[in-house]
Amino acid sequence: QVQLVESGGGLVQAGGSLRLSCAASGVSFTINVMGWYRQAPGKQRELVAVIGSGTNTLYADSVKGRFTISRDNAQNTVSLQMNSLKPEDTAVYYCNANNGKVGYRYLEVWGQGTLVTVSS
């Protein structure tokens, strides 16, 4: 029973803040990488931010300086602190956990998504 459960989505005004959290459970492989992706209406899913086992992080250019990703390895949780939110940030945000490997060794799981709506 593999689960990635997201929480923290909701409605916020432009310029406001929101914090998303994701907790992984029942994952058999070592979670080396966790991240957040989002899909806005009429657009494809895109990377928002990812974090490795240590402090290595990667952010989409559109969120750099505004969003901060963090994780608790012991708890297999990842959070996304979103500040200075813009209407363009409106999307369904999905949590991802994977083993950081390549090719046929790559394993990943996805959450069901949480909706973030930023009003102008």
C-alpha atoms as a PDB file:
ATOM      1  CA  GLN A   1       0.000   0.000   0.000  1.00  0.00           C
ATOM      2  CA  VAL A   2       2.065   2.865  -1.347  1.00  0.00           C
ATOM      3  CA  GLN A   3       0.853   6.341  -0.530  1.00  0.00           C
ATOM      4  CA  LEU A   4       2.025   9.877  -1.084  1.00  0.00           C
ATOM      5  CA  VAL A   5      -0.419  12.154   0.664  1.00  0.00           C
ATOM      6  CA  GLU A   6      -0.326  15.864  -0.079  1.00  0.00           C
ATOM      7  CA  SER A   7      -1.817  18.582   2.060  1.00  0.00           C
ATOM      8  CA  GLY A   8      -1.820  22.342   2.349  1.00  0.00           C
ATOM      9  CA  GLY A   9      -3.452  23.382  -0.882  1.00  0.00           C
ATOM     10  CA  GLY A  10      -6.141  25.988  -0.963  1.00  0.00           C
ATOM     11  CA  LEU A  11      -7.147  29.461  -2.024  1.00  0.00           C
ATOM     12  CA  VAL A  12      -4.834  32.391  -1.413  1.00  0.00           C
ATOM     13  CA  GLN A  13      -4.588  35.951  -2.673  1.00  0.00           C
ATOM     14  CA  ALA A  14      -1.739  37.112  -4.861  1.00  0.00           C
ATOM     15  CA  GLY A  15       1.270  37.965  -2.746  1.00  0.00           C
ATOM     16  CA  GLY A  16       0.275  35.521  -0.067  1.00  0.00           C
ATOM     17  CA  SER A  17       1.924  32.346   1.121  1.00  0.00           C
ATOM     18  CA  LEU A  18       1.067  28.699   1.313  1.00  0.00           C
ATOM     19  CA  ARG A  19       2.900  25.623   2.528  1.00  0.00           C
ATOM     20  CA  LEU A  20       2.460  22.228   0.925  1.00  0.00           C
ATOM     21  CA  SER A  21       3.434  19.005   2.619  1.00  0.00           C
ATOM     22  CA  CYS A  22       3.730  15.450   1.394  1.00  0.00           C
ATOM     23  CA  ALA A  23       4.181  12.284   3.407  1.00  0.00           C
ATOM     24  CA  ALA A  24       5.289   9.030   1.817  1.00  0.00           C
ATOM     25  CA  SER A  25       4.442   5.639   3.247  1.00  0.00           C
ATOM     26  CA  GLY A  26       4.659   2.056   2.120  1.00  0.00           C
ATOM     27  CA  VAL A  27       7.479   2.761  -0.348  1.00  0.00           C
ATOM     28  CA  SER A  28       9.789  -0.228  -0.691  1.00  0.00           C
ATOM     29  CA  PHE A  29      12.716   1.520  -2.354  1.00  0.00           C
ATOM     30  CA  THR A  30      15.028   4.099  -0.853  1.00  0.00           C
ATOM     31  CA  ILE A  31      13.641   7.546  -1.530  1.00  0.00           C
ATOM     32  CA  ASN A  32      16.673   9.524  -2.645  1.00  0.00           C
ATOM     33  CA  VAL A  33      14.803  12.309  -4.386  1.00  0.00           C
ATOM     34  CA  MET A  34      11.546  14.040  -3.637  1.00  0.00           C
ATOM     35  CA  GLY A  35       9.935  16.861  -5.493  1.00  0.00           C
ATOM     36  CA  TRP A  36       6.956  18.876  -6.496  1.00  0.00           C
ATOM     37  CA  TYR A  37       5.409  19.201  -9.919  1.00  0.00           C
ATOM     38  CA  ARG A  38       2.378  21.120 -11.041  1.00  0.00           C
ATOM     39  CA  GLN A  39      -0.126  21.161 -13.828  1.00  0.00           C
ATOM     40  CA  ALA A  40      -2.041  24.307 -14.639  1.00  0.00           C
ATOM     41  CA  PRO A  41      -5.237  24.345 -16.701  1.00  0.00           C
ATOM     42  CA  GLY A  42      -4.433  23.783 -20.348  1.00  0.00           C
ATOM     43  CA  LYS A  43      -0.760  23.130 -19.688  1.00  0.00           C
ATOM     44  CA  GLN A  44       1.474  20.112 -19.296  1.00  0.00           C
ATOM     45  CA  ARG A  45       2.873  18.998 -15.986  1.00  0.00           C
ATOM     46  CA  GLU A  46       6.070  20.820 -15.094  1.00  0.00           C
ATOM     47  CA  LEU A  47       8.772  20.565 -12.488  1.00  0.00           C
ATOM     48  CA  VAL A  48       8.537  23.037  -9.635  1.00  0.00           C
ATOM     49  CA  ALA A  49      11.310  21.916  -7.313  1.00  0.00           C
ATOM     50  CA  VAL A  50      13.219  18.784  -6.358  1.00  0.00           C
ATOM     51  CA  ILE A  51      15.535  17.918  -3.510  1.00  0.00           C
ATOM     52  CA  GLY A  52      18.062  15.120  -3.153  1.00  0.00           C
ATOM     53  CA  SER A  53      19.208  13.191  -0.136  1.00  0.00           C
ATOM     54  CA  GLY A  54      21.316  16.085   1.069  1.00  0.00           C
ATOM     55  CA  THR A  55      20.860  19.755   0.361  1.00  0.00           C
ATOM     56  CA  ASN A  56      20.891  19.577  -3.430  1.00  0.00           C
ATOM     57  CA  THR A  57      17.914  21.418  -4.809  1.00  0.00           C
ATOM     58  CA  LEU A  58      16.637  22.431  -8.205  1.00  0.00           C
ATOM     59  CA  TYR A  59      13.944  24.986  -8.909  1.00  0.00           C
ATOM     60  CA  ALA A  60      12.049  26.057 -11.935  1.00  0.00           C
ATOM     61  CA  ASP A  61      13.118  29.528 -13.007  1.00  0.00           C
ATOM     62  CA  SER A  62       9.592  30.777 -12.493  1.00  0.00           C
ATOM     63  CA  VAL A  63       9.657  30.026  -8.763  1.00  0.00           C
ATOM     64  CA  LYS A  64      13.264  30.749  -7.816  1.00  0.00           C
ATOM     65  CA  GLY A  65      13.489  33.112  -4.892  1.00  0.00           C
ATOM     66  CA  ARG A  66       9.854  32.574  -3.990  1.00  0.00           C
ATOM     67  CA  PHE A  67       9.557  28.863  -3.237  1.00  0.00           C
ATOM     68  CA  THR A  68      11.649  26.758  -0.892  1.00  0.00           C
ATOM     69  CA  ILE A  69      11.696  22.983  -0.849  1.00  0.00           C
ATOM     70  CA  SER A  70      12.755  20.983   2.184  1.00  0.00           C
ATOM     71  CA  ARG A  71      12.579  17.403   3.358  1.00  0.00           C
ATOM     72  CA  ASP A  72      12.780  15.232   6.414  1.00  0.00           C
ATOM     73  CA  ASN A  73      14.520  12.035   5.381  1.00  0.00           C
ATOM     74  CA  ALA A  74      13.630  10.203   8.558  1.00  0.00           C
ATOM     75  CA  GLN A  75       9.947  10.832   8.032  1.00  0.00           C
ATOM     76  CA  ASN A  76       9.981  10.634   4.234  1.00  0.00           C
ATOM     77  CA  THR A  77       8.259  13.957   3.977  1.00  0.00           C
ATOM     78  CA  VAL A  78       8.790  16.902   1.695  1.00  0.00           C
ATOM     79  CA  SER A  79       7.449  20.409   1.984  1.00  0.00           C
ATOM     80  CA  LEU A  80       7.167  23.355  -0.343  1.00  0.00           C
ATOM     81  CA  GLN A  81       7.015  26.817   1.155  1.00  0.00           C
ATOM     82  CA  MET A  82       5.455  29.115  -1.413  1.00  0.00           C
ATOM     83  CA  ASN A  83       5.766  32.849  -0.905  1.00  0.00           C
ATOM     84  CA  SER A  84       4.829  35.833  -3.042  1.00  0.00           C
ATOM     85  CA  LEU A  85       2.316  33.717  -4.876  1.00  0.00           C
ATOM     86  CA  LYS A  86       1.124  34.798  -8.293  1.00  0.00           C
ATOM     87  CA  PRO A  87      -2.010  33.887 -10.227  1.00  0.00           C
ATOM     88  CA  GLU A  88       0.281  32.006 -12.614  1.00  0.00           C
ATOM     89  CA  ASP A  89       1.070  29.613  -9.767  1.00  0.00           C
ATOM     90  CA  THR A  90      -2.486  28.315  -9.846  1.00  0.00           C
ATOM     91  CA  ALA A  91      -2.285  24.605 -10.544  1.00  0.00           C
ATOM     92  CA  VAL A  92      -2.672  21.153  -9.141  1.00  0.00           C
ATOM     93  CA  TYR A  93       0.536  20.356  -7.308  1.00  0.00           C
ATOM     94  CA  TYR A  94       1.795  16.791  -7.268  1.00  0.00           C
ATOM     95  CA  CYS A  95       4.300  15.222  -4.921  1.00  0.00           C
ATOM     96  CA  ASN A  96       6.894  12.854  -6.344  1.00  0.00           C
ATOM     97  CA  ALA A  97       9.275  10.426  -4.683  1.00  0.00           C
ATOM     98  CA  ASN A  98      11.874   8.403  -6.541  1.00  0.00           C
ATOM     99  CA  ASN A  99      15.080   6.454  -6.073  1.00  0.00           C
ATOM    100  CA  GLY A 100      17.216   8.792  -8.148  1.00  0.00           C
ATOM    101  CA  LYS A 101      18.407   6.052 -10.473  1.00  0.00           C
ATOM    102  CA  VAL A 102      18.363   5.907 -14.259  1.00  0.00           C
ATOM    103  CA  GLY A 103      16.954   3.678 -16.952  1.00  0.00           C
ATOM    104  CA  TYR A 104      15.191   0.512 -15.950  1.00  0.00           C
ATOM    105  CA  ARG A 105      16.350   0.959 -12.361  1.00  0.00           C
ATOM    106  CA  TYR A 106      14.269   4.121 -11.968  1.00  0.00           C
ATOM    107  CA  LEU A 107      11.335   3.865  -9.588  1.00  0.00           C
ATOM    108  CA  GLU A 108       8.886   6.566  -8.620  1.00  0.00           C
ATOM    109  CA  VAL A 109       5.550   7.183  -6.978  1.00  0.00           C
ATOM    110  CA  TRP A 110       3.145  10.092  -7.263  1.00  0.00           C
ATOM    111  CA  GLY A 111       0.627  11.708  -5.015  1.00  0.00           C
ATOM    112  CA  GLN A 112      -2.926  12.456  -6.021  1.00  0.00           C
ATOM    113  CA  GLY A 113      -2.358  16.193  -6.127  1.00  0.00           C
ATOM    114  CA  THR A 114      -3.525  19.201  -4.179  1.00  0.00           C
ATOM    115  CA  LEU A 115      -5.100  22.270  -5.746  1.00  0.00           C
ATOM    116  CA  VAL A 116      -3.541  25.680  -5.262  1.00  0.00           C
ATOM    117  CA  THR A 117      -5.572  28.646  -6.427  1.00  0.00           C
ATOM    118  CA  VAL A 118      -4.092  32.137  -6.376  1.00  0.00           C
ATOM    119  CA  SER A 119      -6.569  34.941  -6.890  1.00  0.00           C
ATOM    120  CA  SER A 120      -5.698  38.377  -8.236  1.00  0.00           C
END
